[in-house]
């Protein structure tokens, strides 16, 4: 059976491939692309936060509210950027049709 940690690590490769392709395509709205890259910041923050939760509190990250919430801020920020980026692209597209 594959551990969740292994699955998490392996899942980064398809995501990095996705980022590489959408960056090269030039089709992704810039703000949305920044949001997708911010997801990597979320991952980079979550890993040490999870380790800290285990070492200091002997709990998983999900059980330490202040630490979990602090890490989730980065995911929320990335989601907001993705939505705003696509929203702006839709508005620009509508404007160009007029």
PDB file of N, CA and C in Angstrom:
ATOM      1  N   UNK A   1       0.842  -1.182   0.000  1.00  0.00           N
ATOM      2  CA  UNK A   1       0.000   0.000   0.000  1.00  0.00           C
ATOM      3  C   UNK A   1       0.890   1.249   0.000  1.00  0.00           C
ATOM      4  N   UNK A   2       0.537   2.209  -0.821  1.00  0.00           N
ATOM      5  CA  UNK A   2       1.298   3.455  -0.918  1.00  0.00           C
ATOM      6  C   UNK A   2       0.871   4.385   0.220  1.00  0.00           C
ATOM      7  N   UNK A   3       1.861   4.962   0.893  1.00  0.00           N
ATOM      8  CA  UNK A   3       1.545   5.882   1.993  1.00  0.00           C
ATOM      9  C   UNK A   3       1.058   7.210   1.425  1.00  0.00           C
ATOM     10  N   UNK A   4       0.326   7.961   2.249  1.00  0.00           N
ATOM     11  CA  UNK A   4      -0.183   9.251   1.799  1.00  0.00           C
ATOM     12  C   UNK A   4       0.955  10.238   1.548  1.00  0.00           C
ATOM     13  N   UNK A   5       2.047  10.098   2.293  1.00  0.00           N
ATOM     14  CA  UNK A   5       3.197  10.971   2.082  1.00  0.00           C
ATOM     15  C   UNK A   5       3.831  10.720   0.717  1.00  0.00           C
ATOM     16  N   UNK A   6       3.944   9.446   0.348  1.00  0.00           N
ATOM     17  CA  UNK A   6       4.504   9.093  -0.956  1.00  0.00           C
ATOM     18  C   UNK A   6       3.597   9.590  -2.071  1.00  0.00           C
ATOM     19  N   UNK A   7       2.306   9.399  -1.906  1.00  0.00           N
ATOM     20  CA  UNK A   7       1.347   9.853  -2.906  1.00  0.00           C
ATOM     21  C   UNK A   7       1.406  11.369  -3.057  1.00  0.00           C
ATOM     22  N   UNK A   8       1.526  12.069  -1.937  1.00  0.00           N
ATOM     23  CA  UNK A   8       1.644  13.525  -1.957  1.00  0.00           C
ATOM     24  C   UNK A   8       2.886  13.955  -2.730  1.00  0.00           C
ATOM     25  N   UNK A   9       4.017  13.325  -2.460  1.00  0.00           N
ATOM     26  CA  UNK A   9       5.268  13.680  -3.135  1.00  0.00           C
ATOM     27  C   UNK A   9       5.192  13.395  -4.629  1.00  0.00           C
ATOM     28  N   UNK A  10       4.628  12.259  -4.989  1.00  0.00           N
ATOM     29  CA  UNK A  10       4.516  11.879  -6.397  1.00  0.00           C
ATOM     30  C   UNK A  10       3.553  12.804  -7.136  1.00  0.00           C
ATOM     31  N   UNK A  11       2.533  13.294  -6.447  1.00  0.00           N
ATOM     32  CA  UNK A  11       1.548  14.162  -7.092  1.00  0.00           C
ATOM     33  C   UNK A  11       2.126  15.506  -7.508  1.00  0.00           C
ATOM     34  N   UNK A  12       3.258  15.873  -6.944  1.00  0.00           N
ATOM     35  CA  UNK A  12       3.880  17.137  -7.343  1.00  0.00           C
ATOM     36  C   UNK A  12       4.367  17.110  -8.794  1.00  0.00           C
ATOM     37  N   UNK A  13       4.788  15.953  -9.276  1.00  0.00           N
ATOM     38  CA  UNK A  13       5.319  15.878 -10.639  1.00  0.00           C
ATOM     39  C   UNK A  13       4.278  16.204 -11.702  1.00  0.00           C
ATOM     40  N   UNK A  14       3.062  15.636 -11.647  1.00  0.00           N
ATOM     41  CA  UNK A  14       2.059  16.051 -12.637  1.00  0.00           C
ATOM     42  C   UNK A  14       1.704  17.537 -12.516  1.00  0.00           C
ATOM     43  N   UNK A  15       1.678  18.050 -11.298  1.00  0.00           N
ATOM     44  CA  UNK A  15       1.353  19.461 -11.115  1.00  0.00           C
ATOM     45  C   UNK A  15       2.445  20.356 -11.710  1.00  0.00           C
ATOM     46  N   UNK A  16       3.698  19.979 -11.496  1.00  0.00           N
ATOM     47  CA  UNK A  16       4.791  20.735 -12.095  1.00  0.00           C
ATOM     48  C   UNK A  16       4.721  20.667 -13.619  1.00  0.00           C
ATOM     49  N   UNK A  17       4.333  19.507 -14.147  1.00  0.00           N
ATOM     50  CA  UNK A  17       4.135  19.371 -15.591  1.00  0.00           C
ATOM     51  C   UNK A  17       3.026  20.281 -16.085  1.00  0.00           C
ATOM     52  N   UNK A  18       1.935  20.329 -15.352  1.00  0.00           N
ATOM     53  CA  UNK A  18       0.828  21.229 -15.678  1.00  0.00           C
ATOM     54  C   UNK A  18       1.319  22.672 -15.725  1.00  0.00           C
ATOM     55  N   UNK A  19       2.055  23.088 -14.699  1.00  0.00           N
ATOM     56  CA  UNK A  19       2.566  24.460 -14.665  1.00  0.00           C
ATOM     57  C   UNK A  19       3.493  24.747 -15.844  1.00  0.00           C
ATOM     58  N   UNK A  20       4.324  23.792 -16.166  1.00  0.00           N
ATOM     59  CA  UNK A  20       5.260  23.967 -17.277  1.00  0.00           C
ATOM     60  C   UNK A  20       4.492  24.174 -18.587  1.00  0.00           C
ATOM     61  N   UNK A  21       3.495  23.330 -18.836  1.00  0.00           N
ATOM     62  CA  UNK A  21       2.731  23.430 -20.075  1.00  0.00           C
ATOM     63  C   UNK A  21       1.915  24.713 -20.158  1.00  0.00           C
ATOM     64  N   UNK A  22       1.229  25.074 -19.090  1.00  0.00           N
ATOM     65  CA  UNK A  22       0.404  26.287 -19.170  1.00  0.00           C
ATOM     66  C   UNK A  22       1.260  27.544 -19.233  1.00  0.00           C
ATOM     67  N   UNK A  23       2.429  27.501 -18.636  1.00  0.00           N
ATOM     68  CA  UNK A  23       3.325  28.650 -18.723  1.00  0.00           C
ATOM     69  C   UNK A  23       3.834  28.807 -20.154  1.00  0.00           C
ATOM     70  N   UNK A  24       4.238  27.709 -20.755  1.00  0.00           N
ATOM     71  CA  UNK A  24       4.745  27.736 -22.137  1.00  0.00           C
ATOM     72  C   UNK A  24       3.667  28.102 -23.139  1.00  0.00           C
ATOM     73  N   UNK A  25       2.431  27.706 -22.876  1.00  0.00           N
ATOM     74  CA  UNK A  25       1.353  27.948 -23.838  1.00  0.00           C
ATOM     75  C   UNK A  25       1.047  29.428 -24.005  1.00  0.00           C
ATOM     76  N   UNK A  26       1.230  30.193 -22.927  1.00  0.00           N
ATOM     77  CA  UNK A  26       0.912  31.612 -22.986  1.00  0.00           C
ATOM     78  C   UNK A  26      -0.590  31.885 -23.008  1.00  0.00           C
ATOM     79  N   UNK A  27      -1.405  30.858 -22.834  1.00  0.00           N
ATOM     80  CA  UNK A  27      -2.859  30.993 -22.899  1.00  0.00           C
ATOM     81  C   UNK A  27      -3.498  31.285 -21.539  1.00  0.00           C
ATOM     82  N   UNK A  28      -2.794  31.040 -20.478  1.00  0.00           N
ATOM     83  CA  UNK A  28      -3.337  31.207 -19.130  1.00  0.00           C
ATOM     84  C   UNK A  28      -3.300  32.687 -18.747  1.00  0.00           C
ATOM     85  N   UNK A  29      -4.399  33.205 -18.203  1.00  0.00           N
ATOM     86  CA  UNK A  29      -4.362  34.584 -17.697  1.00  0.00           C
ATOM     87  C   UNK A  29      -3.252  34.726 -16.646  1.00  0.00           C
ATOM     88  N   UNK A  30      -2.523  35.810 -16.714  1.00  0.00           N
ATOM     89  CA  UNK A  30      -1.339  35.989 -15.861  1.00  0.00           C
ATOM     90  C   UNK A  30      -1.656  35.857 -14.368  1.00  0.00           C
ATOM     91  N   UNK A  31      -2.720  36.491 -13.922  1.00  0.00           N
ATOM     92  CA  UNK A  31      -3.059  36.436 -12.501  1.00  0.00           C
ATOM     93  C   UNK A  31      -3.439  35.016 -12.082  1.00  0.00           C
ATOM     94  N   UNK A  32      -4.134  34.297 -12.944  1.00  0.00           N
ATOM     95  CA  UNK A  32      -4.479  32.896 -12.651  1.00  0.00           C
ATOM     96  C   UNK A  32      -3.219  32.049 -12.588  1.00  0.00           C
ATOM     97  N   UNK A  33      -2.286  32.298 -13.485  1.00  0.00           N
ATOM     98  CA  UNK A  33      -1.029  31.552 -13.480  1.00  0.00           C
ATOM     99  C   UNK A  33      -0.259  31.793 -12.177  1.00  0.00           C
ATOM    100  N   UNK A  34      -0.242  33.038 -11.741  1.00  0.00           N
ATOM    101  CA  UNK A  34       0.401  33.349 -10.460  1.00  0.00           C
ATOM    102  C   UNK A  34      -0.293  32.584  -9.337  1.00  0.00           C
ATOM    103  N   UNK A  35      -1.614  32.499  -9.393  1.00  0.00           N
ATOM    104  CA  UNK A  35      -2.366  31.746  -8.390  1.00  0.00           C
ATOM    105  C   UNK A  35      -1.996  30.278  -8.382  1.00  0.00           C
ATOM    106  N   UNK A  36      -1.834  29.689  -9.576  1.00  0.00           N
ATOM    107  CA  UNK A  36      -1.436  28.285  -9.637  1.00  0.00           C
ATOM    108  C   UNK A  36      -0.019  28.089  -9.081  1.00  0.00           C
ATOM    109  N   UNK A  37       0.864  29.044  -9.332  1.00  0.00           N
ATOM    110  CA  UNK A  37       2.209  28.952  -8.753  1.00  0.00           C
ATOM    111  C   UNK A  37       2.169  29.153  -7.242  1.00  0.00           C
ATOM    112  N   UNK A  38       1.224  29.961  -6.755  1.00  0.00           N
ATOM    113  CA  UNK A  38       1.082  30.160  -5.310  1.00  0.00           C
ATOM    114  C   UNK A  38       0.728  28.859  -4.591  1.00  0.00           C
ATOM    115  N   UNK A  39       0.133  27.934  -5.313  1.00  0.00           N
ATOM    116  CA  UNK A  39      -0.168  26.631  -4.712  1.00  0.00           C
ATOM    117  C   UNK A  39       1.124  25.953  -4.272  1.00  0.00           C
ATOM    118  N   UNK A  40       2.198  26.169  -5.024  1.00  0.00           N
ATOM    119  CA  UNK A  40       3.499  25.621  -4.626  1.00  0.00           C
ATOM    120  C   UNK A  40       3.992  26.279  -3.339  1.00  0.00           C
ATOM    121  N   UNK A  41       3.693  27.566  -3.169  1.00  0.00           N
ATOM    122  CA  UNK A  41       4.049  28.245  -1.919  1.00  0.00           C
ATOM    123  C   UNK A  41       3.278  27.607  -0.770  1.00  0.00           C
ATOM    124  N   UNK A  42       2.000  27.322  -1.003  1.00  0.00           N
ATOM    125  CA  UNK A  42       1.198  26.640   0.012  1.00  0.00           C
ATOM    126  C   UNK A  42       1.832  25.314   0.415  1.00  0.00           C
ATOM    127  N   UNK A  43       2.261  24.541  -0.574  1.00  0.00           N
ATOM    128  CA  UNK A  43       2.905  23.251  -0.298  1.00  0.00           C
ATOM    129  C   UNK A  43       4.200  23.474   0.486  1.00  0.00           C
ATOM    130  N   UNK A  44       4.974  24.464   0.054  1.00  0.00           N
ATOM    131  CA  UNK A  44       6.258  24.747   0.709  1.00  0.00           C
ATOM    132  C   UNK A  44       6.067  25.190   2.158  1.00  0.00           C
ATOM    133  N   UNK A  45       4.956  25.823   2.460  1.00  0.00           N
ATOM    134  CA  UNK A  45       4.678  26.260   3.842  1.00  0.00           C
ATOM    135  C   UNK A  45       4.077  25.119   4.658  1.00  0.00           C
ATOM    136  N   UNK A  46       3.239  24.314   4.025  1.00  0.00           N
ATOM    137  CA  UNK A  46       2.528  23.255   4.734  1.00  0.00           C
ATOM    138  C   UNK A  46       3.461  22.152   5.225  1.00  0.00           C
ATOM    139  N   UNK A  47       4.453  21.800   4.443  1.00  0.00           N
ATOM    140  CA  UNK A  47       5.365  20.714   4.835  1.00  0.00           C
ATOM    141  C   UNK A  47       6.100  21.033   6.142  1.00  0.00           C
ATOM    142  N   UNK A  48       6.788  22.182   6.241  1.00  0.00           N
ATOM    143  CA  UNK A  48       7.444  22.468   7.523  1.00  0.00           C
ATOM    144  C   UNK A  48       6.441  22.681   8.662  1.00  0.00           C
ATOM    145  N   UNK A  49       5.259  23.221   8.350  1.00  0.00           N
ATOM    146  CA  UNK A  49       4.245  23.396   9.399  1.00  0.00           C
ATOM    147  C   UNK A  49       3.789  22.040   9.930  1.00  0.00           C
ATOM    148  N   UNK A  50       3.657  21.070   9.050  1.00  0.00           N
ATOM    149  CA  UNK A  50       3.275  19.716   9.468  1.00  0.00           C
ATOM    150  C   UNK A  50       4.351  19.064  10.316  1.00  0.00           C
ATOM    151  N   UNK A  51       5.592  19.272   9.932  1.00  0.00           N
ATOM    152  CA  UNK A  51       6.714  18.731  10.711  1.00  0.00           C
ATOM    153  C   UNK A  51       6.751  19.387  12.088  1.00  0.00           C
ATOM    154  N   UNK A  52       6.571  20.697  12.126  1.00  0.00           N
ATOM    155  CA  UNK A  52       6.561  21.430  13.389  1.00  0.00           C
ATOM    156  C   UNK A  52       5.438  20.919  14.301  1.00  0.00           C
ATOM    157  N   UNK A  53       4.263  20.694  13.733  1.00  0.00           N
ATOM    158  CA  UNK A  53       3.131  20.191  14.518  1.00  0.00           C
ATOM    159  C   UNK A  53       3.450  18.828  15.126  1.00  0.00           C
ATOM    160  N   UNK A  54       4.101  17.976  14.335  1.00  0.00           N
ATOM    161  CA  UNK A  54       4.470  16.635  14.840  1.00  0.00           C
ATOM    162  C   UNK A  54       5.514  16.716  15.941  1.00  0.00           C
ATOM    163  N   UNK A  55       6.554  17.511  15.714  1.00  0.00           N
ATOM    164  CA  UNK A  55       7.683  17.570  16.645  1.00  0.00           C
ATOM    165  C   UNK A  55       7.300  18.287  17.946  1.00  0.00           C
ATOM    166  N   UNK A  56       6.639  19.420  17.824  1.00  0.00           N
ATOM    167  CA  UNK A  56       6.355  20.237  19.006  1.00  0.00           C
ATOM    168  C   UNK A  56       5.091  19.783  19.733  1.00  0.00           C
ATOM    169  N   UNK A  57       4.033  19.497  18.980  1.00  0.00           N
ATOM    170  CA  UNK A  57       2.736  19.186  19.597  1.00  0.00           C
ATOM    171  C   UNK A  57       2.387  17.696  19.573  1.00  0.00           C
ATOM    172  N   UNK A  58       3.181  16.905  18.869  1.00  0.00           N
ATOM    173  CA  UNK A  58       2.915  15.469  18.725  1.00  0.00           C
ATOM    174  C   UNK A  58       1.520  15.211  18.148  1.00  0.00           C
ATOM    175  N   UNK A  59       1.130  16.055  17.218  1.00  0.00           N
ATOM    176  CA  UNK A  59      -0.180  15.984  16.565  1.00  0.00           C
ATOM    177  C   UNK A  59       0.010  16.217  15.065  1.00  0.00           C
ATOM    178  N   UNK A  60      -1.013  15.869  14.307  1.00  0.00           N
ATOM    179  CA  UNK A  60      -0.963  16.203  12.888  1.00  0.00           C
ATOM    180  C   UNK A  60      -1.303  17.675  12.721  1.00  0.00           C
ATOM    181  N   UNK A  61      -0.927  18.227  11.604  1.00  0.00           N
ATOM    182  CA  UNK A  61      -1.156  19.645  11.337  1.00  0.00           C
ATOM    183  C   UNK A  61      -2.634  20.004  11.447  1.00  0.00           C
ATOM    184  N   UNK A  62      -3.505  19.134  10.987  1.00  0.00           N
ATOM    185  CA  UNK A  62      -4.945  19.399  11.010  1.00  0.00           C
ATOM    186  C   UNK A  62      -5.487  19.600  12.424  1.00  0.00           C
ATOM    187  N   UNK A  63      -4.784  19.120  13.422  1.00  0.00           N
ATOM    188  CA  UNK A  63      -5.253  19.240  14.804  1.00  0.00           C
ATOM    189  C   UNK A  63      -4.736  20.474  15.537  1.00  0.00           C
ATOM    190  N   UNK A  64      -3.866  21.224  14.910  1.00  0.00           N
ATOM    191  CA  UNK A  64      -3.324  22.444  15.528  1.00  0.00           C
ATOM    192  C   UNK A  64      -3.911  23.624  14.761  1.00  0.00           C
ATOM    193  N   UNK A  65      -5.016  24.151  15.264  1.00  0.00           N
ATOM    194  CA  UNK A  65      -5.801  25.131  14.506  1.00  0.00           C
ATOM    195  C   UNK A  65      -5.011  26.347  14.048  1.00  0.00           C
ATOM    196  N   UNK A  66      -4.255  26.973  14.943  1.00  0.00           N
ATOM    197  CA  UNK A  66      -3.569  28.201  14.559  1.00  0.00           C
ATOM    198  C   UNK A  66      -2.526  27.941  13.479  1.00  0.00           C
ATOM    199  N   UNK A  67      -1.869  26.806  13.544  1.00  0.00           N
ATOM    200  CA  UNK A  67      -0.833  26.463  12.570  1.00  0.00           C
ATOM    201  C   UNK A  67      -1.469  26.042  11.248  1.00  0.00           C
ATOM    202  N   UNK A  68      -2.511  25.250  11.331  1.00  0.00           N
ATOM    203  CA  UNK A  68      -3.224  24.793  10.136  1.00  0.00           C
ATOM    204  C   UNK A  68      -3.846  25.979   9.405  1.00  0.00           C
ATOM    205  N   UNK A  69      -4.488  26.861  10.158  1.00  0.00           N
ATOM    206  CA  UNK A  69      -5.094  28.052   9.560  1.00  0.00           C
ATOM    207  C   UNK A  69      -4.074  28.953   8.906  1.00  0.00           C
ATOM    208  N   UNK A  70      -2.919  29.082   9.537  1.00  0.00           N
ATOM    209  CA  UNK A  70      -1.852  29.912   8.962  1.00  0.00           C
ATOM    210  C   UNK A  70      -1.366  29.352   7.635  1.00  0.00           C
ATOM    211  N   UNK A  71      -1.263  28.047   7.540  1.00  0.00           N
ATOM    212  CA  UNK A  71      -0.831  27.423   6.287  1.00  0.00           C
ATOM    213  C   UNK A  71      -1.919  27.540   5.226  1.00  0.00           C
ATOM    214  N   UNK A  72      -3.166  27.371   5.628  1.00  0.00           N
ATOM    215  CA  UNK A  72      -4.291  27.414   4.683  1.00  0.00           C
ATOM    216  C   UNK A  72      -4.489  28.794   4.063  1.00  0.00           C
ATOM    217  N   UNK A  73      -3.979  29.827   4.721  1.00  0.00           N
ATOM    218  CA  UNK A  73      -4.065  31.178   4.154  1.00  0.00           C
ATOM    219  C   UNK A  73      -3.436  31.205   2.756  1.00  0.00           C
ATOM    220  N   UNK A  74      -2.343  30.485   2.582  1.00  0.00           N
ATOM    221  CA  UNK A  74      -1.666  30.478   1.289  1.00  0.00           C
ATOM    222  C   UNK A  74      -2.498  29.778   0.207  1.00  0.00           C
ATOM    223  N   UNK A  75      -3.238  28.756   0.578  1.00  0.00           N
ATOM    224  CA  UNK A  75      -4.126  28.092  -0.375  1.00  0.00           C
ATOM    225  C   UNK A  75      -5.296  29.008  -0.730  1.00  0.00           C
ATOM    226  N   UNK A  76      -5.837  29.675   0.265  1.00  0.00           N
ATOM    227  CA  UNK A  76      -6.930  30.607   0.019  1.00  0.00           C
ATOM    228  C   UNK A  76      -6.476  31.717  -0.914  1.00  0.00           C
ATOM    229  N   UNK A  77      -5.297  32.247  -0.664  1.00  0.00           N
ATOM    230  CA  UNK A  77      -4.743  33.301  -1.517  1.00  0.00           C
ATOM    231  C   UNK A  77      -4.558  32.816  -2.951  1.00  0.00           C
ATOM    232  N   UNK A  78      -4.048  31.617  -3.117  1.00  0.00           N
ATOM    233  CA  UNK A  78      -3.841  31.101  -4.472  1.00  0.00           C
ATOM    234  C   UNK A  78      -5.179  30.914  -5.175  1.00  0.00           C
ATOM    235  N   UNK A  79      -6.196  30.420  -4.460  1.00  0.00           N
ATOM    236  CA  UNK A  79      -7.521  30.258  -5.056  1.00  0.00           C
ATOM    237  C   UNK A  79      -8.118  31.594  -5.477  1.00  0.00           C
ATOM    238  N   UNK A  80      -7.963  32.603  -4.650  1.00  0.00           N
ATOM    239  CA  UNK A  80      -8.469  33.935  -4.982  1.00  0.00           C
ATOM    240  C   UNK A  80      -7.795  34.463  -6.246  1.00  0.00           C
ATOM    241  N   UNK A  81      -6.486  34.298  -6.353  1.00  0.00           N
ATOM    242  CA  UNK A  81      -5.768  34.768  -7.537  1.00  0.00           C
ATOM    243  C   UNK A  81      -6.220  34.038  -8.800  1.00  0.00           C
ATOM    244  N   UNK A  82      -6.448  32.733  -8.705  1.00  0.00           N
ATOM    245  CA  UNK A  82      -6.926  31.968  -9.862  1.00  0.00           C
ATOM    246  C   UNK A  82      -8.293  32.492 -10.307  1.00  0.00           C
ATOM    247  N   UNK A  83      -9.197  32.663  -9.356  1.00  0.00           N
ATOM    248  CA  UNK A  83     -10.543  33.141  -9.685  1.00  0.00           C
ATOM    249  C   UNK A  83     -10.495  34.544 -10.276  1.00  0.00           C
ATOM    250  N   UNK A  84      -9.746  35.444  -9.663  1.00  0.00           N
ATOM    251  CA  UNK A  84      -9.652  36.810 -10.175  1.00  0.00           C
ATOM    252  C   UNK A  84      -9.015  36.847 -11.568  1.00  0.00           C
ATOM    253  N   UNK A  85      -8.042  35.981 -11.789  1.00  0.00           N
ATOM    254  CA  UNK A  85      -7.396  35.924 -13.099  1.00  0.00           C
ATOM    255  C   UNK A  85      -8.355  35.494 -14.192  1.00  0.00           C
ATOM    256  N   UNK A  86      -9.122  34.440 -13.934  1.00  0.00           N
ATOM    257  CA  UNK A  86     -10.092  33.981 -14.933  1.00  0.00           C
ATOM    258  C   UNK A  86     -11.253  34.965 -15.067  1.00  0.00           C
ATOM    259  N   UNK A  87     -11.640  35.597 -13.978  1.00  0.00           N
ATOM    260  CA  UNK A  87     -12.697  36.608 -14.037  1.00  0.00           C
ATOM    261  C   UNK A  87     -12.276  37.746 -14.954  1.00  0.00           C
ATOM    262  N   UNK A  88     -11.051  38.211 -14.774  1.00  0.00           N
ATOM    263  CA  UNK A  88     -10.555  39.304 -15.611  1.00  0.00           C
ATOM    264  C   UNK A  88     -10.482  38.878 -17.076  1.00  0.00           C
ATOM    265  N   UNK A  89     -10.084  37.648 -17.336  1.00  0.00           N
ATOM    266  CA  UNK A  89     -10.014  37.152 -18.713  1.00  0.00           C
ATOM    267  C   UNK A  89     -11.403  37.114 -19.343  1.00  0.00           C
ATOM    268  N   UNK A  90     -12.406  36.714 -18.566  1.00  0.00           N
ATOM    269  CA  UNK A  90     -13.781  36.690 -19.081  1.00  0.00           C
ATOM    270  C   UNK A  90     -14.265  38.106 -19.375  1.00  0.00           C
ATOM    271  N   UNK A  91     -14.000  39.018 -18.454  1.00  0.00           N
ATOM    272  CA  UNK A  91     -14.398  40.417 -18.666  1.00  0.00           C
ATOM    273  C   UNK A  91     -13.697  41.000 -19.887  1.00  0.00           C
ATOM    274  N   UNK A  92     -12.420  40.723 -20.052  1.00  0.00           N
ATOM    275  CA  UNK A  92     -11.675  41.218 -21.219  1.00  0.00           C
ATOM    276  C   UNK A  92     -12.242  40.628 -22.507  1.00  0.00           C
ATOM    277  N   UNK A  93     -12.599  39.358 -22.461  1.00  0.00           N
ATOM    278  CA  UNK A  93     -13.157  38.689 -23.640  1.00  0.00           C
ATOM    279  C   UNK A  93     -14.505  39.301 -24.009  1.00  0.00           C
ATOM    280  N   UNK A  94     -15.326  39.543 -23.030  1.00  0.00           N
ATOM    281  CA  UNK A  94     -16.629  40.187 -23.287  1.00  0.00           C
ATOM    282  C   UNK A  94     -16.459  41.581 -23.855  1.00  0.00           C
ATOM    283  N   UNK A  95     -15.477  42.308 -23.319  1.00  0.00           N
ATOM    284  CA  UNK A  95     -15.231  43.676 -23.773  1.00  0.00           C
ATOM    285  C   UNK A  95     -14.760  43.689 -25.232  1.00  0.00           C
ATOM    286  N   UNK A  96     -13.958  42.717 -25.605  1.00  0.00           N
ATOM    287  CA  UNK A  96     -13.439  42.680 -26.974  1.00  0.00           C
ATOM    288  C   UNK A  96     -14.519  42.282 -27.985  1.00  0.00           C
ATOM    289  N   UNK A  97     -15.609  41.658 -27.511  1.00  0.00           N
ATOM    290  CA  UNK A  97     -16.705  41.274 -28.394  1.00  0.00           C
ATOM    291  C   UNK A  97     -17.625  42.447 -28.704  1.00  0.00           C
ATOM    292  N   UNK A  98     -17.561  43.482 -27.899  1.00  0.00           N
ATOM    293  CA  UNK A  98     -18.438  44.656 -28.110  1.00  0.00           C
ATOM    294  C   UNK A  98     -17.933  45.553 -29.208  1.00  0.00           C
TER     295      UNK A  98
END
